[in-house]
Each structure stands twice: as structure tokens, then as C-alpha cells.
Protein backbone atom coordinates (compact mmCIF):
# COMPACT_ATOMS: atom_id res chain seq x y z
CA THR A 1 86.80 -69.90 100.28
CA TYR A 2 83.34 -69.36 101.90
CA ILE A 3 83.74 -72.61 104.34
CA GLY A 4 82.37 -71.36 107.46
CA LYS A 5 81.19 -68.12 106.62
CA PRO A 6 77.76 -66.87 106.00
CA VAL A 7 76.24 -66.91 102.58
CA LEU A 8 72.70 -65.62 101.15
CA LEU A 9 70.78 -68.58 99.57
CA GLY A 10 68.57 -67.27 96.53
CA ILE A 11 65.94 -69.53 94.98
CA ARG A 12 63.30 -68.67 92.50
CA PRO A 13 59.53 -69.41 93.47
CA GLU A 14 59.24 -71.97 90.79
CA HIS A 15 62.13 -74.06 92.06
CA CYS A 16 60.35 -74.17 95.59
CA VAL A 17 57.08 -76.18 95.10
CA TYR A 18 54.53 -77.96 97.53
CA SER A 19 54.85 -81.47 98.25
CA PRO A 20 51.84 -83.34 98.95
CA GLU A 21 53.51 -86.27 100.11
CA LYS A 22 54.59 -84.41 103.12
CA LYS A 23 58.09 -86.09 103.33
CA THR A 24 59.93 -83.46 105.42
CA SER A 25 62.91 -85.99 105.55
CA ALA A 26 63.71 -85.70 101.56
CA ALA A 27 66.33 -83.44 100.62
CA GLY A 28 65.62 -80.04 100.25
CA ALA A 29 62.31 -80.29 101.92
CA PHE A 30 60.87 -78.02 104.71
CA GLU A 31 57.65 -77.31 106.66
CA ALA A 32 56.43 -73.62 106.18
CA LEU A 33 53.34 -71.67 107.49
CA ILE A 34 51.36 -70.54 104.30
CA GLU A 35 50.58 -66.79 104.99
CA ILE A 36 49.01 -65.71 101.88
CA VAL A 37 47.74 -67.35 98.84
CA GLU A 38 48.08 -65.14 95.50
CA CYS A 39 46.21 -66.53 92.35
CA MET A 40 47.69 -64.64 89.49
CA GLY A 41 46.04 -66.14 86.15
CA ALA A 42 47.66 -69.51 85.58
CA ASP A 43 50.06 -69.25 88.50
CA THR A 44 49.25 -69.65 92.28
CA TYR A 45 51.96 -67.85 94.59
CA TYR A 46 52.28 -69.05 98.21
CA TYR A 47 54.18 -66.53 100.65
CA LEU A 48 55.63 -68.87 103.36
CA SER A 49 57.40 -68.48 106.41
CA THR A 50 59.61 -70.77 108.71
CA ARG A 51 60.92 -70.12 112.02
CA ASN A 52 63.78 -68.07 110.46
CA HIS A 53 62.90 -67.49 106.83
CA GLN A 54 60.19 -66.02 104.34
CA LEU A 55 60.09 -67.25 100.93
CA VAL A 56 57.89 -67.80 97.91
CA SER A 57 56.61 -70.56 96.06
CA ARG A 58 54.87 -70.67 92.73
CA SER A 59 52.94 -73.14 91.36
CA THR A 60 51.24 -73.41 87.98
CA GLN A 61 48.17 -75.61 89.81
CA ALA A 62 45.91 -74.23 92.52
CA LEU A 63 46.29 -76.57 95.43
CA PRO A 64 42.92 -76.83 96.44
CA MET A 65 43.74 -77.86 100.31
CA GLN A 66 46.13 -75.04 100.81
CA ARG A 67 45.00 -72.07 102.31
CA ALA A 68 46.50 -69.11 104.30
CA GLY A 69 46.95 -70.33 107.93
CA GLN A 70 47.75 -73.85 107.39
CA GLN A 71 50.88 -75.51 107.23
CA GLY A 72 52.50 -77.40 104.04
CA CYS A 73 55.54 -79.16 102.95
CA PHE A 74 57.82 -77.51 100.02
CA VAL A 75 60.57 -78.82 98.62
CA ILE A 76 63.60 -76.63 97.16
CA ASP A 77 65.21 -78.03 94.02
CA ALA A 78 68.88 -77.95 94.97
CA ASP A 79 70.33 -78.08 91.67
CA ARG A 80 68.57 -74.35 91.03
CA VAL A 81 70.00 -72.91 94.38
CA HIS A 82 72.02 -69.71 93.97
CA LEU A 83 74.71 -68.48 96.34
CA PHE A 84 75.69 -64.99 97.13
CA ASP A 85 78.20 -62.84 98.98
CA PRO A 86 76.16 -61.14 101.76
CA GLU A 87 78.37 -57.91 101.85
CA SER A 88 79.06 -57.65 98.01
CA GLU A 89 75.61 -59.39 96.82
CA LEU A 90 77.68 -60.91 94.07
CA ALA A 91 77.01 -64.20 92.91
CA ILE A 92 79.65 -67.16 94.43
CA GLY A 93 80.88 -69.65 91.89
């Protein structure tokens, strides 16, 4: 019964991936500013910001053309999204 009520969206960094096709019209796609690129061995983390949100993307491949300060298109896997009650912070459903 959360229709019309605010919820928190949770997504793991590995379920938010860079989209080289730059198709922001695809489901779950969005444009973001890459603020930080952090190489951590086999993984690379991209710290992103949109107008209203900050999130992290994890890639197992370095994206050579993507650097801090650039815009990029990313896609969230909608099947991996988790929703939380903002007051109790408990998972919904």
C-alpha cells in the first residue's frame, strides 16, 4: 500500500552499468556526471551524480573513454531494484 507514497530505491553498484550505446530512451537508462573513477584491481567504480541523486556503478572492465568530469549513459537493471520504507528502512515486498 505504498501507492502515492515516497519510497527509497536501492540498487547494488554491479546492477548499474555503463551503456556505450548512449540510449537514454531504454528502460532504466539515465545520463549522469562521472565524478570519480576508482580502479580497484579487477573492478572499477564510477561515482555518479544526476541532478537529484548520487549513485555508484561497478564495472569489471575499465571504460577507457570514461573519465571524471565526463557525462555518461548508465542503465539500472530494474529486476535488481530493492524498495525500502523511508521511515522504518525495512524492505518492501
